[in-house]
Protein backbone atom coordinates (compact mmCIF):
# COMPACT_ATOMS: atom_id res chain seq x y z
CA UNK A 1 -17.10 20.52 23.90
CA UNK A 2 -15.16 24.29 23.26
CA UNK A 3 -16.29 26.32 20.27
CA UNK A 4 -14.30 28.76 18.65
CA UNK A 5 -14.63 31.45 15.84
CA UNK A 6 -12.28 31.03 13.17
CA UNK A 7 -12.87 33.92 10.69
CA UNK A 8 -16.69 34.30 11.45
CA UNK A 9 -17.27 30.75 10.98
CA UNK A 10 -18.35 28.75 14.75
CA UNK A 11 -16.00 25.59 14.78
CA UNK A 12 -16.31 22.76 17.29
CA UNK A 13 -13.55 21.32 18.92
CA UNK A 14 -11.81 18.68 20.96
CA UNK A 15 -10.35 19.16 24.42
CA UNK A 16 -7.05 20.10 24.54
CA UNK A 17 -7.25 20.47 20.78
CA UNK A 18 -4.75 22.95 18.76
CA UNK A 19 -6.12 25.83 16.69
CA UNK A 20 -4.99 24.24 13.41
CA UNK A 21 -6.17 20.96 14.11
CA UNK A 22 -9.68 22.40 14.67
CA UNK A 23 -9.54 24.12 11.95
CA UNK A 24 -8.56 20.89 9.86
CA UNK A 25 -11.03 18.62 11.42
CA UNK A 26 -13.67 21.20 10.38
CA UNK A 27 -12.38 21.25 6.61
CA UNK A 28 -11.55 25.13 7.18
CA UNK A 29 -8.11 25.53 5.57
CA UNK A 30 -5.16 27.20 7.47
CA UNK A 31 -1.39 27.33 5.83
CA UNK A 32 1.01 24.82 7.15
CA UNK A 33 4.39 23.49 6.52
CA UNK A 34 6.08 22.12 9.65
CA UNK A 35 3.01 21.02 11.31
CA UNK A 36 2.38 16.87 10.88
CA UNK A 37 -0.23 15.40 12.50
CA UNK A 38 2.06 12.19 13.35
CA UNK A 39 4.97 14.15 14.69
CA UNK A 40 6.21 16.70 17.08
CA UNK A 41 4.89 20.68 16.46
CA UNK A 42 8.19 22.90 16.25
CA UNK A 43 6.15 25.71 14.90
CA UNK A 44 9.27 26.82 13.02
CA UNK A 45 7.55 27.50 9.50
CA UNK A 46 5.40 30.59 10.83
CA UNK A 47 3.16 30.30 7.91
CA UNK A 48 0.35 29.62 10.07
CA UNK A 49 0.42 32.68 12.04
CA UNK A 50 -3.45 33.79 13.33
CA UNK A 51 -4.41 36.70 15.34
CA UNK A 52 -6.79 35.89 18.32
CA UNK A 53 -8.25 38.74 20.10
CA UNK A 54 -7.16 39.51 23.45
CA UNK A 55 -3.29 38.24 22.64
CA UNK A 56 -1.30 41.49 21.36
CA UNK A 57 0.91 39.35 19.03
CA UNK A 58 0.33 36.74 16.41
CA UNK A 59 0.17 33.24 17.84
CA UNK A 60 1.03 29.99 15.69
CA UNK A 61 -2.23 28.14 15.39
CA UNK A 62 0.01 24.46 15.65
CA UNK A 63 0.82 25.59 18.85
CA UNK A 64 -1.86 27.40 20.28
CA UNK A 65 -4.70 25.50 22.40
CA UNK A 66 -8.36 26.23 21.67
CA UNK A 67 -10.19 27.51 24.71
CA UNK A 68 -14.32 28.16 24.24
CA UNK A 69 -14.99 31.75 22.92
CA UNK A 70 -11.65 31.67 21.29
CA UNK A 71 -11.89 34.50 18.19
CA UNK A 72 -9.44 33.83 15.58
CA UNK A 73 -8.56 35.84 12.62
CA UNK A 74 -6.67 34.08 9.77
CA UNK A 75 -7.47 36.55 7.16
CA UNK A 76 -6.94 39.96 8.96
CA UNK A 77 -4.58 42.70 7.42
CA UNK A 78 -2.10 41.43 10.25
CA UNK A 79 -2.17 37.60 9.79
CA UNK A 80 -1.98 38.42 5.52
CA UNK A 81 0.70 40.47 5.82
CA UNK A 82 2.83 37.57 7.75
CA UNK A 83 1.71 34.98 5.25
CA UNK A 84 3.10 37.09 2.51
CA UNK A 85 6.35 37.97 4.62
CA UNK A 86 6.97 34.06 5.51
CA UNK A 87 6.18 33.37 1.79
CA UNK A 88 9.04 35.86 0.60
CA UNK A 89 11.55 34.51 2.98
CA UNK A 90 11.16 30.97 1.71
CA UNK A 91 11.18 32.03 -1.81
CA UNK A 92 14.39 34.16 -1.87
CA UNK A 93 16.59 31.18 -2.16
CA UNK A 94 14.11 28.73 -3.81
CA UNK A 95 14.96 28.00 -7.28
CA UNK A 96 12.68 28.46 -10.14
CA UNK A 97 12.58 24.74 -11.67
CA UNK A 98 8.80 23.73 -11.10
CA UNK A 99 8.53 22.75 -14.73
CA UNK A 100 11.25 19.96 -13.74
CA UNK A 101 10.29 19.44 -10.02
CA UNK A 102 8.67 16.09 -9.50
CA UNK A 103 6.63 17.76 -6.95
CA UNK A 104 5.13 20.26 -9.21
CA UNK A 105 1.48 19.54 -9.03
CA UNK A 106 1.15 18.41 -5.26
CA UNK A 107 3.40 21.38 -3.81
CA UNK A 108 2.62 23.45 -0.85
CA UNK A 109 5.07 25.92 -1.59
CA UNK A 110 4.01 26.46 -4.74
CA UNK A 111 0.02 26.78 -4.07
CA UNK A 112 0.70 29.21 -0.80
CA UNK A 113 2.84 31.14 -3.47
CA UNK A 114 -0.50 31.86 -5.16
CA UNK A 115 -2.80 32.28 -2.38
CA UNK A 116 -0.55 33.66 0.09
CA UNK A 117 2.15 34.93 -1.72
CA UNK A 118 3.14 38.35 -3.29
CA UNK A 119 2.43 38.50 -7.04
CA UNK A 120 5.91 39.73 -7.78
CA UNK A 121 9.53 38.87 -6.03
CA UNK A 122 11.08 42.02 -4.62
CA UNK A 123 14.76 40.24 -4.19
CA UNK A 124 17.46 41.10 -6.82
CA UNK A 125 20.58 39.64 -5.49
CA UNK A 126 21.89 36.04 -6.38
CA UNK A 127 20.23 33.07 -5.02
CA UNK A 128 22.10 30.60 -2.93
CA UNK A 129 23.08 27.69 -4.74
CA UNK A 130 23.23 24.17 -2.25
CA UNK A 131 23.99 21.01 -3.85
CA UNK A 132 21.85 17.79 -4.61
CA UNK A 133 22.92 14.67 -2.24
CA UNK A 134 22.38 11.34 -2.43
CA UNK A 135 21.40 10.48 1.43
CA UNK A 136 19.91 7.33 0.88
CA UNK A 137 19.30 4.27 -1.56
CA UNK A 138 16.30 5.49 -2.57
CA UNK A 139 16.38 9.31 -1.77
CA UNK A 140 17.71 12.40 -3.38
CA UNK A 141 17.81 15.81 -1.50
CA UNK A 142 17.73 18.67 -3.24
CA UNK A 143 18.97 20.88 -1.03
CA UNK A 144 18.30 24.39 -2.43
CA UNK A 145 14.45 23.77 -2.76
CA UNK A 146 14.47 22.57 1.25
CA UNK A 147 12.42 25.10 3.09
CA UNK A 148 13.48 23.82 6.56
CA UNK A 149 10.54 22.37 7.90
CA UNK A 150 12.40 19.70 9.28
CA UNK A 151 9.59 17.08 8.90
CA UNK A 152 12.04 14.76 7.72
CA UNK A 153 14.41 15.17 10.76
CA UNK A 154 11.72 14.81 12.94
CA UNK A 155 10.60 11.19 11.43
CA UNK A 156 13.71 9.76 11.93
CA UNK A 157 13.88 10.96 15.42
CA UNK A 158 10.33 10.01 16.67
CA UNK A 159 8.97 7.42 14.32
CA UNK A 160 11.75 5.40 12.97
CA UNK A 161 13.98 6.27 15.62
CA UNK A 162 17.20 5.89 13.71
CA UNK A 163 18.06 9.79 13.64
CA UNK A 164 19.75 9.52 10.03
CA UNK A 165 19.01 13.08 9.18
CA UNK A 166 20.02 16.35 11.30
CA UNK A 167 20.13 20.23 10.22
CA UNK A 168 23.59 21.37 9.48
CA UNK A 169 24.49 25.20 9.82
CA UNK A 170 22.77 28.20 10.50
CA UNK A 171 20.69 30.89 8.77
CA UNK A 172 20.68 30.99 5.11
CA UNK A 173 23.38 28.25 4.99
CA UNK A 174 21.26 25.56 7.22
CA UNK A 175 20.87 22.45 5.04
CA UNK A 176 19.54 18.89 5.72
CA UNK A 177 22.38 16.39 5.91
CA UNK A 178 23.04 12.66 6.96
CA UNK A 179 25.40 11.49 9.58
CA UNK A 180 28.67 10.59 8.03
CA UNK A 181 28.40 6.89 6.95
CA UNK A 182 25.01 6.38 7.87
CA UNK A 183 22.72 7.00 5.09
CA UNK A 184 18.50 7.05 5.80
CA UNK A 185 18.40 3.44 4.67
CA UNK A 186 15.98 2.56 7.74
CA UNK A 187 12.90 0.15 6.34
CA UNK A 188 10.56 3.23 6.82
CA UNK A 189 12.95 5.62 4.91
CA UNK A 190 10.67 6.42 2.01
CA UNK A 191 8.07 8.14 4.33
CA UNK A 192 10.51 11.27 4.14
CA UNK A 193 9.57 11.87 0.42
CA UNK A 194 6.03 11.64 1.29
CA UNK A 195 6.41 13.97 4.46
CA UNK A 196 8.39 16.56 2.56
CA UNK A 197 5.94 19.33 1.30
CA UNK A 198 8.06 20.86 -1.35
CA UNK A 199 10.27 18.95 -4.17
CA UNK A 200 13.65 18.61 -1.68
CA UNK A 201 13.51 14.88 -0.84
CA UNK A 202 12.52 13.22 -3.99
CA UNK A 203 12.15 8.99 -4.96
CA UNK A 204 14.82 7.98 -6.87
CA UNK A 205 12.80 5.37 -8.29
CA UNK A 206 9.71 7.79 -9.15
CA UNK A 207 12.07 10.58 -10.47
CA UNK A 208 11.02 12.06 -13.89
CA UNK A 209 8.92 9.26 -14.85
CA UNK A 210 5.38 10.85 -14.63
CA UNK A 211 3.55 13.92 -14.01
CA UNK A 212 1.49 13.78 -10.60
CA UNK A 213 -1.63 15.27 -12.36
CA UNK A 214 -1.55 12.49 -14.69
CA UNK A 215 -1.84 9.94 -11.82
CA UNK A 216 -5.14 8.41 -10.62
CA UNK A 217 -5.44 6.64 -7.16
CA UNK A 218 -6.84 3.23 -6.18
CA UNK A 219 -7.18 2.38 -2.20
CA UNK A 220 -5.34 -1.14 -1.75
CA UNK A 221 -3.78 -3.00 1.13
CA UNK A 222 0.38 -3.58 1.30
CA UNK A 223 0.83 -7.60 -0.35
CA UNK A 224 4.39 -7.41 1.86
CA UNK A 225 3.14 -8.85 5.25
CA UNK A 226 0.28 -9.25 7.65
CA UNK A 227 0.53 -5.50 8.58
CA UNK A 228 -2.32 -4.98 6.51
CA UNK A 229 -1.11 -1.52 5.89
CA UNK A 230 -3.16 0.84 3.63
CA UNK A 231 -2.01 2.40 0.59
CA UNK A 232 -3.17 3.99 -2.36
CA UNK A 233 -1.87 2.81 -5.81
CA UNK A 234 -0.82 5.48 -8.25
CA UNK A 235 -1.03 4.70 -12.10
CA UNK A 236 -1.55 5.87 -15.57
CA UNK A 237 -2.49 4.26 -18.85
CA UNK A 238 -2.45 0.42 -16.73
CA UNK A 239 0.93 1.02 -15.30
CA UNK A 240 1.12 1.44 -11.50
CA UNK A 241 4.14 4.09 -11.13
CA UNK A 242 3.93 4.48 -7.44
CA UNK A 243 2.57 3.38 -4.01
CA UNK A 244 1.98 6.10 -1.02
CA UNK A 245 0.29 5.78 2.46
CA UNK A 246 -3.35 6.21 3.19
CA UNK A 247 -4.33 6.93 6.55
CA UNK A 248 -5.62 4.41 8.88
CA UNK A 249 -5.31 5.29 12.46
CA UNK A 250 -6.36 1.43 13.57
CA UNK A 251 -3.46 0.02 11.22
CA UNK A 252 -0.53 2.06 9.91
CA UNK A 253 -1.58 5.61 10.64
CA UNK A 254 0.29 7.73 8.19
CA UNK A 255 3.24 5.55 7.60
CA UNK A 256 4.00 2.43 5.34
CA UNK A 257 7.06 0.54 4.99
CA UNK A 258 9.73 0.42 2.34
CA UNK A 259 8.99 -3.13 1.50
CA UNK A 260 5.24 -1.53 0.80
CA UNK A 261 6.27 1.24 -1.14
CA UNK A 262 8.38 -0.75 -3.72
CA UNK A 263 6.14 -4.29 -3.97
CA UNK A 264 4.26 -2.82 -7.35
CA UNK A 265 7.62 -3.86 -9.37
CA UNK A 266 6.32 -7.49 -9.17
CA UNK A 267 3.45 -6.19 -11.42
CA UNK A 268 6.33 -4.98 -13.92
CA UNK A 269 8.25 -8.51 -13.82
CA UNK A 270 9.79 -9.55 -16.93
CA UNK A 271 9.46 -13.04 -15.93
CA UNK A 272 6.06 -13.03 -14.87
CA UNK A 273 3.51 -15.71 -16.38
CA UNK A 274 1.47 -14.15 -19.13
CA UNK A 275 0.45 -17.22 -21.06
CA UNK A 276 -1.11 -20.84 -20.11
CA UNK A 277 1.02 -24.02 -20.38
CA UNK A 278 -0.29 -27.83 -20.70
CA UNK A 279 1.92 -30.77 -20.42
CA UNK A 280 2.05 -32.72 -23.86
CA UNK A 281 4.54 -35.31 -24.89
CA UNK A 282 6.23 -34.74 -21.09
CA UNK A 283 6.88 -30.78 -21.64
CA UNK A 284 4.97 -28.07 -21.16
CA UNK A 285 3.19 -26.37 -24.38
CA UNK A 286 2.08 -22.88 -24.59
CA UNK A 287 -1.72 -23.04 -25.04
CA UNK A 288 -4.83 -20.85 -24.65
CA UNK A 289 -6.16 -20.03 -21.12
CA UNK A 290 -9.43 -21.62 -22.61
CA UNK A 291 -8.14 -25.07 -23.69
CA UNK A 292 -5.78 -25.18 -20.63
CA UNK A 293 -8.76 -24.64 -18.25
CA UNK A 294 -11.03 -26.92 -19.93
CA UNK A 295 -8.28 -29.91 -19.84
CA UNK A 296 -7.54 -29.17 -16.38
CA UNK A 297 -11.44 -29.69 -15.33
CA UNK A 298 -11.61 -32.82 -17.36
CA UNK A 299 -8.67 -34.15 -15.89
CA UNK A 300 -10.01 -33.23 -12.40
CA UNK A 301 -13.30 -34.44 -12.90
CA UNK A 302 -11.70 -37.74 -14.03
CA UNK A 303 -9.84 -38.34 -10.61
CA UNK A 304 -12.40 -37.40 -8.50
CA UNK A 305 -14.85 -40.01 -10.29
CA UNK A 306 -12.28 -42.47 -9.38
CA UNK A 307 -12.18 -42.12 -5.82
CA UNK A 308 -13.41 -39.47 -2.98
CA UNK A 309 -10.73 -37.68 -1.38
CA UNK A 310 -8.19 -37.52 -3.89
CA UNK A 311 -8.63 -33.63 -4.95
CA UNK A 312 -7.20 -30.63 -2.98
CA UNK A 313 -6.87 -27.17 -3.27
CA UNK A 314 -3.93 -25.30 -2.10
CA UNK A 315 -5.17 -21.98 -1.21
CA UNK A 316 -2.57 -19.09 -1.40
CA UNK A 317 -2.28 -16.70 1.80
CA UNK A 318 -1.70 -13.93 -1.21
CA UNK A 319 -5.03 -15.15 -2.48
CA UNK A 320 -8.43 -12.61 -2.10
CA UNK A 321 -10.99 -14.17 0.76
CA UNK A 322 -13.30 -14.08 -2.09
CA UNK A 323 -11.39 -15.96 -4.39
CA UNK A 324 -10.18 -19.08 -1.71
CA UNK A 325 -13.82 -19.22 -1.00
CA UNK A 326 -14.50 -20.01 -4.94
CA UNK A 327 -11.68 -22.07 -5.18
CA UNK A 328 -12.78 -24.16 -2.36
CA UNK A 329 -16.27 -24.38 -3.11
CA UNK A 330 -15.58 -25.00 -6.50
CA UNK A 331 -13.12 -27.92 -5.80
CA UNK A 332 -15.73 -29.16 -3.25
CA UNK A 333 -18.08 -29.26 -5.85
CA UNK A 334 -15.94 -31.78 -8.37
CA UNK A 335 -14.92 -33.68 -5.21
CA UNK A 336 -17.15 -33.02 -1.39
CA UNK A 337 -14.06 -34.56 0.06
CA UNK A 338 -11.23 -32.59 -1.16
CA UNK A 339 -8.97 -31.27 1.14
CA UNK A 340 -8.54 -27.41 1.27
CA UNK A 341 -4.59 -26.69 2.05
CA UNK A 342 -3.45 -23.23 3.69
CA UNK A 343 -0.13 -22.72 1.33
CA UNK A 344 3.15 -21.61 2.74
CA UNK A 345 3.32 -18.87 5.09
CA UNK A 346 7.03 -17.36 4.78
CA UNK A 347 8.12 -15.35 8.04
CA UNK A 348 10.96 -13.71 9.37
CA UNK A 349 12.28 -14.29 12.82
CA UNK A 350 10.68 -11.53 14.76
CA UNK A 351 8.64 -8.18 13.91
CA UNK A 352 10.44 -5.38 13.15
CA UNK A 353 9.19 -2.30 15.80
CA UNK A 354 10.35 1.12 15.56
CA UNK A 355 10.30 3.44 18.84
CA UNK A 356 10.76 6.89 19.33
CA UNK A 357 14.59 7.72 19.97
CA UNK A 358 13.99 9.30 23.06
CA UNK A 359 10.95 8.15 25.11
CA UNK A 360 11.43 4.77 23.28
CA UNK A 361 7.45 4.94 22.74
CA UNK A 362 6.37 2.17 20.27
CA UNK A 363 5.90 4.02 16.96
CA UNK A 364 5.43 1.16 14.08
CA UNK A 365 5.62 -2.51 13.31
CA UNK A 366 6.51 -4.72 10.02
CA UNK A 367 5.01 -7.65 10.87
CA UNK A 368 7.44 -10.75 10.56
CA UNK A 369 4.52 -12.70 8.70
CA UNK A 370 5.31 -11.81 5.05
CA UNK A 371 2.27 -12.54 3.47
CA UNK A 372 -1.07 -10.29 3.59
CA UNK A 373 -3.93 -13.28 4.31
CA UNK A 374 -2.90 -16.14 6.39
CA UNK A 375 -5.83 -15.38 8.94
CA UNK A 376 -8.58 -14.73 5.91
CA UNK A 377 -7.42 -18.38 4.30
CA UNK A 378 -7.81 -19.83 7.74
CA UNK A 379 -11.28 -18.07 8.55
CA UNK A 380 -12.54 -19.49 4.74
CA UNK A 381 -11.33 -22.85 5.21
CA UNK A 382 -13.43 -23.18 8.59
CA UNK A 383 -16.63 -21.64 7.08
CA UNK A 384 -16.30 -24.27 4.18
CA UNK A 385 -15.30 -27.10 6.71
CA UNK A 386 -14.73 -30.66 5.57
CA UNK A 387 -10.82 -32.03 5.47
CA UNK A 388 -8.25 -29.42 5.90
CA UNK A 389 -4.72 -29.19 6.16
CA UNK A 390 -1.29 -26.43 6.14
CA UNK A 391 1.58 -26.78 3.94
CA UNK A 392 3.79 -27.45 7.09
CA UNK A 393 1.60 -31.22 7.14
CA UNK A 394 2.07 -31.78 3.65
CA UNK A 395 5.68 -31.24 4.21
CA UNK A 396 6.12 -33.60 6.75
CA UNK A 397 3.24 -36.08 5.60
CA UNK A 398 2.00 -36.25 9.10
CA UNK A 399 -1.63 -35.76 8.31
CA UNK A 400 -3.49 -38.86 6.96
CA UNK A 401 -5.66 -36.76 4.79
CA UNK A 402 -2.95 -36.12 2.52
CA UNK A 403 -1.81 -39.43 1.81
CA UNK A 404 -4.72 -40.55 -1.23
CA UNK A 405 -4.21 -37.48 -2.78
CA UNK A 406 -3.89 -37.59 -6.84
CA UNK A 407 -4.63 -34.14 -8.07
CA UNK A 408 -5.35 -30.61 -7.10
CA UNK A 409 -5.52 -27.21 -7.88
CA UNK A 410 -2.19 -24.97 -6.68
CA UNK A 411 -2.23 -21.18 -6.29
CA UNK A 412 0.78 -19.20 -5.64
CA UNK A 413 0.79 -15.40 -6.47
CA UNK A 414 3.94 -14.65 -3.61
CA UNK A 415 5.95 -11.35 -4.74
CA UNK A 416 9.13 -13.90 -4.78
CA UNK A 417 10.07 -17.50 -5.53
CA UNK A 418 7.90 -19.39 -2.71
CA UNK A 419 9.04 -22.81 -3.28
CA UNK A 420 12.45 -23.68 -1.24
CA UNK A 421 14.26 -26.83 -2.21
CA UNK A 422 12.79 -30.35 -3.18
CA UNK A 423 9.25 -30.34 -3.92
CA UNK A 424 6.87 -32.27 -0.81
CA UNK A 425 5.74 -35.33 -2.09
CA UNK A 426 2.36 -34.70 -2.42
CA UNK A 427 2.91 -31.97 -4.60
CA UNK A 428 6.14 -33.94 -6.61
CA UNK A 429 3.54 -36.64 -7.71
CA UNK A 430 -0.40 -36.60 -9.64
CA UNK A 431 -2.35 -34.27 -11.57
CA UNK A 432 -1.36 -30.72 -10.65
CA UNK A 433 -2.82 -27.23 -11.89
CA UNK A 434 -0.45 -24.37 -10.84
CA UNK A 435 -1.86 -20.62 -11.09
CA UNK A 436 0.97 -18.41 -10.25
CA UNK A 437 2.49 -14.75 -11.27
CA UNK A 438 6.24 -16.24 -11.63
CA UNK A 439 7.65 -19.03 -12.66
CA UNK A 440 8.59 -21.82 -9.97
CA UNK A 441 10.33 -25.27 -10.07
CA UNK A 442 6.61 -26.10 -9.37
CA UNK A 443 5.16 -24.68 -12.06
CA UNK A 444 8.05 -26.26 -14.25
CA UNK A 445 6.72 -29.61 -13.23
CA UNK A 446 2.96 -28.67 -13.32
CA UNK A 447 0.40 -30.47 -15.66
CA UNK A 448 -1.29 -27.25 -16.61
CA UNK A 449 0.10 -24.03 -16.00
CA UNK A 450 -2.12 -20.72 -15.54
CA UNK A 451 -1.16 -17.11 -15.14
CA UNK A 452 -2.28 -15.61 -12.17
CA UNK A 453 -3.33 -11.73 -11.95
CA UNK A 454 -1.32 -9.55 -9.34
CA UNK A 455 -3.33 -8.32 -6.53
CA UNK A 456 -3.11 -4.75 -7.97
CA UNK A 457 -5.29 -6.04 -11.10
CA UNK A 458 -8.15 -7.44 -8.75
CA UNK A 459 -10.83 -6.94 -6.00
CA UNK A 460 -10.95 -8.66 -2.90
CA UNK A 461 -10.11 -8.32 0.82
CA UNK A 462 -7.50 -9.71 3.23
CA UNK A 463 -7.78 -10.32 7.24
CA UNK A 464 -4.76 -8.99 8.77
CA UNK A 465 -2.69 -10.68 11.74
CA UNK A 466 -5.50 -8.60 14.34
CA UNK A 467 -8.42 -10.14 12.25
CA UNK A 468 -9.23 -6.86 11.07
CA UNK A 469 -10.68 -7.35 7.57
CA UNK A 470 -9.92 -4.81 4.71
CA UNK A 471 -10.63 -4.49 1.17
CA UNK A 472 -8.92 -3.57 -2.09
CA UNK A 473 -9.95 -2.83 -5.60
CA UNK A 474 -8.26 -3.55 -8.66
CA UNK A 475 -6.34 -0.15 -10.26
CA UNK A 476 -5.34 -1.82 -13.68
CA UNK A 477 -5.96 -4.57 -15.87
CA UNK A 478 -4.48 -7.94 -16.20
CA UNK A 479 -1.72 -7.78 -19.14
CA UNK A 480 -3.01 -9.91 -22.30
CA UNK A 481 -3.24 -13.22 -21.64
CA UNK A 482 -4.07 -13.63 -17.95
CA UNK A 483 -7.55 -13.74 -16.42
CA UNK A 484 -8.26 -12.60 -13.17
CA UNK A 485 -8.47 -15.95 -10.92
CA UNK A 486 -12.32 -14.72 -9.72
CA UNK A 487 -13.51 -15.18 -12.95
CA UNK A 488 -11.77 -18.43 -13.48
CA UNK A 489 -13.27 -19.72 -10.29
CA UNK A 490 -16.86 -18.80 -11.08
CA UNK A 491 -16.48 -20.83 -14.51
CA UNK A 492 -15.16 -23.53 -12.63
CA UNK A 493 -17.84 -23.56 -10.57
CA UNK A 494 -20.35 -23.49 -14.17
CA UNK A 495 -21.47 -19.87 -13.13
CA UNK A 496 -21.75 -16.82 -15.56
CA UNK A 497 -21.03 -13.45 -15.60
CA UNK A 498 -17.85 -11.21 -13.96
CA UNK A 499 -16.61 -11.91 -10.70
CA UNK A 500 -17.61 -9.35 -8.36
CA UNK A 501 -15.71 -9.23 -4.88
CA UNK A 502 -18.91 -7.28 -3.04
CA UNK A 503 -21.08 -9.67 -4.47
CA UNK A 504 -19.00 -13.01 -3.60
CA UNK A 505 -18.74 -11.03 0.12
CA UNK A 506 -22.42 -11.53 0.47
CA UNK A 507 -22.61 -15.04 -0.49
CA UNK A 508 -19.84 -15.44 2.20
CA UNK A 509 -21.92 -14.01 4.98
CA UNK A 510 -20.74 -12.50 8.22
CA UNK A 511 -18.36 -11.10 8.78
CA UNK A 512 -17.39 -10.88 5.16
CA UNK A 513 -20.65 -9.23 3.86
CA UNK A 514 -20.48 -5.98 5.98
CA UNK A 515 -16.72 -5.13 4.35
CA UNK A 516 -16.78 -2.28 1.85
CA UNK A 517 -14.44 0.24 0.12
CA UNK A 518 -14.32 3.37 2.32
CA UNK A 519 -13.99 5.78 -0.66
CA UNK A 520 -15.12 5.53 -4.18
CA UNK A 521 -12.55 4.52 -7.10
CA UNK A 522 -11.94 3.81 -10.61
CA UNK A 523 -12.93 0.38 -11.20
CA UNK A 524 -10.33 -1.09 -13.50
CA UNK A 525 -12.64 -3.08 -16.50
CA UNK A 526 -13.14 -6.47 -16.33
CA UNK A 527 -14.15 -9.27 -19.03
CA UNK A 528 -16.16 -12.43 -18.37
CA UNK A 529 -14.29 -15.70 -18.92
CA UNK A 530 -17.04 -17.31 -21.68
CA UNK A 531 -15.93 -13.85 -23.73
CA UNK A 532 -12.36 -14.88 -24.03
């Protein structure tokens, strides 16, 4: 393993690694703009130039491979002078609009101007003015802020493979632009906003909504498909304002789909169920969660007392594995022969596969299965054993276990209306407790309706299509009137205390017991159902 010395510090490196990469891995900071570990290396911004003993000129650290014994100076007079010159050139035409820029607080140009720039500008001419452009349904381009790092251009060529963005012009007239009639609307387009090191590319949905230094981060998982993309939920005062990618080399790398990026909007959906309902005299009447819950439990126990195998629990692939385990256990405690049913698993026709526009190499996949935890629910049902079925069997009526059902607990939680067409015969009759986040034809005809918490409002874990079990954490508390599912299921089991996903995973045994969040996070508070 080669070793290099950077500013007097000895650093272990990997073979064929670049100097900048080695420094970043070792936690030693070198400035960079155009470099990104998921893209090609153009060495165009020149802010990372360093002095290497034995080489007569400054070299770009992002494009210079390490060799054993190499001695690098990033703070020598020659390197410092270069950094100041680069910063001066970048700021010549840059507008002084940090107070109104959405990137303020997480802007590399802003940070580096303090660390590596001059204290005063020597430029006395008029700054070049460039237009603001609408380059996609979700993206604005503020051209006068752009420093031409070309990260966005390289992304559309090397990751999405769609090549909508290009560099137009030369010199100070150089601009990022889109080809005529070809906006940047691919399914990964939002990543160019994350890639931009300054405030040039901005998300229309986040524009002027929140200062980034007010936002808190909680690690989570994408709810939109079975890929299991790792994300950060960024929120303030109980409101999620945006979703950002969280690096995971085995799953999504540095990127997320736009479906994932804007999935938080369901949390603030005006149609969300926020109160419980109980059917009285043929119509649903608003009631308290406690009253609706007690009524549901009494009715389910009455049906189970009449005949074994008459109850069912439909476990949604939007549920956390821990919630499915608790609900399945609770229904089986009431009726040992209760049928556990895997809920609908909506799917597109095929995966969306993205490839490098030149090499054809696969770079990203958006899975066709549009729920995050079908595999996890299958695993939980298998662990619990006993009678089981899936939604397709419910529709076809081919499974004999489904012919004697008289009541059950149905969980939704999907990001859109998941009941298409007429209700299956088994769901159209009998006593039904429906727990969901949005109203559906099923909830409108249910006997008891309980509002559910969105994934950002609770803890748990999901298993993706490849069998990787990944945890997620609650970022915010559910709206008033909504009790988290885990707390209800504990009450259904007759247990006290607050739902704790980590503790439940230990009850479930392997492979769930070994799953834990990799980073510290701010835990959204919970309240025991008995206290409500």
